[in-house]
Structures are given as structure tokens and as C-alpha cells.
C-alpha atoms as a PDB file:
ATOM      1  CA  MET A   1     137.317  92.982 -59.427  1.00  0.00           C
ATOM      2  CA  TYR A   2     136.547  90.242 -56.901  1.00  0.00           C
ATOM      3  CA  GLU A   3     132.993  90.751 -55.231  1.00  0.00           C
ATOM      4  CA  VAL A   4     132.433  89.062 -51.438  1.00  0.00           C
ATOM      5  CA  LYS A   5     129.467  87.619 -50.863  1.00  0.00           C
ATOM      6  CA  HIS A   6     128.468  86.088 -47.845  1.00  0.00           C
ATOM      7  CA  ILE A   7     125.433  83.649 -47.583  1.00  0.00           C
ATOM      8  CA  ASP A   8     124.302  80.972 -44.820  1.00  0.00           C
ATOM      9  CA  SER A   9     125.377  77.750 -46.074  1.00  0.00           C
ATOM     10  CA  ALA A  10     122.806  75.767 -43.805  1.00  0.00           C
ATOM     11  CA  PRO A  11     119.669  76.207 -46.107  1.00  0.00           C
ATOM     12  CA  VAL A  12     122.145  75.307 -49.271  1.00  0.00           C
ATOM     13  CA  ILE A  13     123.254  72.389 -47.233  1.00  0.00           C
ATOM     14  CA  ALA A  14     120.253  71.315 -46.466  1.00  0.00           C
ATOM     15  CA  GLU A  15     118.520  71.745 -49.838  1.00  0.00           C
ATOM     16  CA  SER A  16     121.489  69.634 -51.496  1.00  0.00           C
ATOM     17  CA  LYS A  17     120.937  66.726 -49.144  1.00  0.00           C
ATOM     18  CA  LYS A  18     117.415  66.432 -49.880  1.00  0.00           C
ATOM     19  CA  LYS A  19     118.497  66.538 -53.481  1.00  0.00           C
ATOM     20  CA  TRP A  20     121.080  63.701 -53.075  1.00  0.00           C
ATOM     21  CA  LYS A  21     118.742  61.942 -51.118  1.00  0.00           C
ATOM     22  CA  ASP A  22     115.477  62.140 -53.122  1.00  0.00           C
ATOM     23  CA  SER A  23     117.650  62.138 -56.617  1.00  0.00           C
ATOM     24  CA  LYS A  24     116.957  58.520 -58.407  1.00  0.00           C
ATOM     25  CA  SER A  25     120.085  59.159 -60.560  1.00  0.00           C
ATOM     26  CA  LYS A  26     121.998  61.348 -57.718  1.00  0.00           C
ATOM     27  CA  ASP A  27     122.095  65.154 -58.652  1.00  0.00           C
ATOM     28  CA  VAL A  28     126.190  65.709 -58.983  1.00  0.00           C
ATOM     29  CA  TRP A  29     125.798  69.279 -58.335  1.00  0.00           C
ATOM     30  CA  SER A  30     124.162  68.397 -54.669  1.00  0.00           C
ATOM     31  CA  ALA A  31     127.274  66.031 -54.090  1.00  0.00           C
ATOM     32  CA  ILE A  32     129.688  68.677 -55.283  1.00  0.00           C
ATOM     33  CA  THR A  33     127.988  70.984 -52.922  1.00  0.00           C
ATOM     34  CA  LEU A  34     128.277  68.800 -50.118  1.00  0.00           C
ATOM     35  CA  VAL A  35     132.030  67.962 -50.911  1.00  0.00           C
ATOM     36  CA  LYS A  36     132.637  71.987 -50.918  1.00  0.00           C
ATOM     37  CA  ALA A  37     130.930  72.021 -47.623  1.00  0.00           C
ATOM     38  CA  GLY A  38     132.982  69.083 -46.058  1.00  0.00           C
ATOM     39  CA  PHE A  39     136.177  71.076 -47.138  1.00  0.00           C
ATOM     40  CA  LEU A  40     135.565  74.576 -46.312  1.00  0.00           C
ATOM     41  CA  LEU A  41     133.284  74.666 -43.712  1.00  0.00           C
ATOM     42  CA  ARG A  42     133.441  74.010 -39.816  1.00  0.00           C
ATOM     43  CA  GLY A  43     131.588  71.157 -38.313  1.00  0.00           C
ATOM     44  CA  TYR A  44     131.980  68.830 -41.244  1.00  0.00           C
ATOM     45  CA  GLY A  45     135.079  67.406 -40.649  1.00  0.00           C
ATOM     46  CA  SER A  46     137.413  69.153 -42.369  1.00  0.00           C
ATOM     47  CA  ASN A  47     139.797  70.564 -39.306  1.00  0.00           C
ATOM     48  CA  PHE A  48     141.164  67.544 -38.943  1.00  0.00           C
ATOM     49  CA  PRO A  49     142.694  68.184 -35.202  1.00  0.00           C
ATOM     50  CA  GLU A  50     139.308  69.677 -33.749  1.00  0.00           C
ATOM     51  CA  GLU A  51     136.636  67.600 -35.792  1.00  0.00           C
ATOM     52  CA  SER A  52     138.409  64.036 -36.463  1.00  0.00           C
ATOM     53  CA  THR A  53     136.197  60.940 -36.186  1.00  0.00           C
ATOM     54  CA  VAL A  54     139.034  58.666 -35.962  1.00  0.00           C
ATOM     55  CA  PRO A  55     141.784  58.982 -33.472  1.00  0.00           C
ATOM     56  CA  ILE A  56     145.211  61.332 -35.103  1.00  0.00           C
ATOM     57  CA  ALA A  57     148.422  59.572 -35.306  1.00  0.00           C
ATOM     58  CA  ASN A  58     149.925  61.782 -33.163  1.00  0.00           C
ATOM     59  CA  GLU A  59     147.617  60.754 -30.283  1.00  0.00           C
ATOM     60  CA  MET A  60     148.336  57.094 -30.836  1.00  0.00           C
ATOM     61  CA  LEU A  61     151.933  57.638 -30.412  1.00  0.00           C
ATOM     62  CA  GLY A  62     151.785  59.806 -27.430  1.00  0.00           C
ATOM     63  CA  LEU A  63     153.010  62.781 -29.404  1.00  0.00           C
ATOM     64  CA  GLY A  64     151.618  66.436 -28.589  1.00  0.00           C
ATOM     65  CA  LYS A  65     150.229  68.330 -31.444  1.00  0.00           C
ATOM     66  CA  LEU A  66     152.152  70.148 -33.505  1.00  0.00           C
ATOM     67  CA  ARG A  67     151.454  74.254 -34.009  1.00  0.00           C
ATOM     68  CA  PHE A  68     152.637  75.509 -37.236  1.00  0.00           C
ATOM     69  CA  VAL A  69     153.885  78.789 -35.515  1.00  0.00           C
ATOM     70  CA  ASP A  70     156.193  76.477 -33.442  1.00  0.00           C
ATOM     71  CA  VAL A  71     157.341  74.116 -36.267  1.00  0.00           C
ATOM     72  CA  VAL A  72     158.351  77.741 -38.081  1.00  0.00           C
ATOM     73  CA  LYS A  73     160.197  78.669 -35.058  1.00  0.00           C
ATOM     74  CA  GLN A  74     161.968  75.320 -34.784  1.00  0.00           C
ATOM     75  CA  GLU A  75     163.027  75.614 -38.298  1.00  0.00           C
ATOM     76  CA  ALA A  76     163.929  79.303 -38.384  1.00  0.00           C
ATOM     77  CA  GLU A  77     166.143  78.377 -35.024  1.00  0.00           C
ATOM     78  CA  ALA A  78     167.839  75.463 -37.053  1.00  0.00           C
ATOM     79  CA  VAL A  79     168.736  77.717 -40.364  1.00  0.00           C
ATOM     80  CA  LYS A  80     170.530  80.079 -38.056  1.00  0.00           C
ATOM     81  CA  GLN A  81     172.851  77.584 -36.405  1.00  0.00           C
END
């Protein structure tokens, strides 16, 4: 059985950033924590359509954003035909 534990990520990230910056040998666990934050938390660029720092290819090509529900609906209708 799993136990869900909610934590405030801000202090953990701040501590990891400080350890990484201050460490002469670069603390590996701090780097892993920061990478996980980048993949899992909002505000660190992991939500590419909303938080990207570079243009999305769809924007450069003049295409609209794809929504998952629209793609599934389109494919479901194509299978019916």
C-alpha cells in the first residue's frame, strides 16, 4: 500500500539550488532534485505549450494548438468510416 505525502516544493528546490551553487564538486542529489522539479512541477518549463521559452513549431507554421481530446475524437471518427 502506498502513502501519499504532500510537501511544499519551494524550500526543497531552494535548498537544492543553494547546494548546487555552493558545492565545489556539484552535489549530484541536488541536480537530480532540480531535474525532477523541471519534469514534474508547474513553472519550470515542463508544460511546453504553456511555459515554453522557445516558439512551438505549430506557432511557426501558423497551425493551432492540438488538444488531446480533439485528436482522439478525430481518430475515433476516422475508425468508424
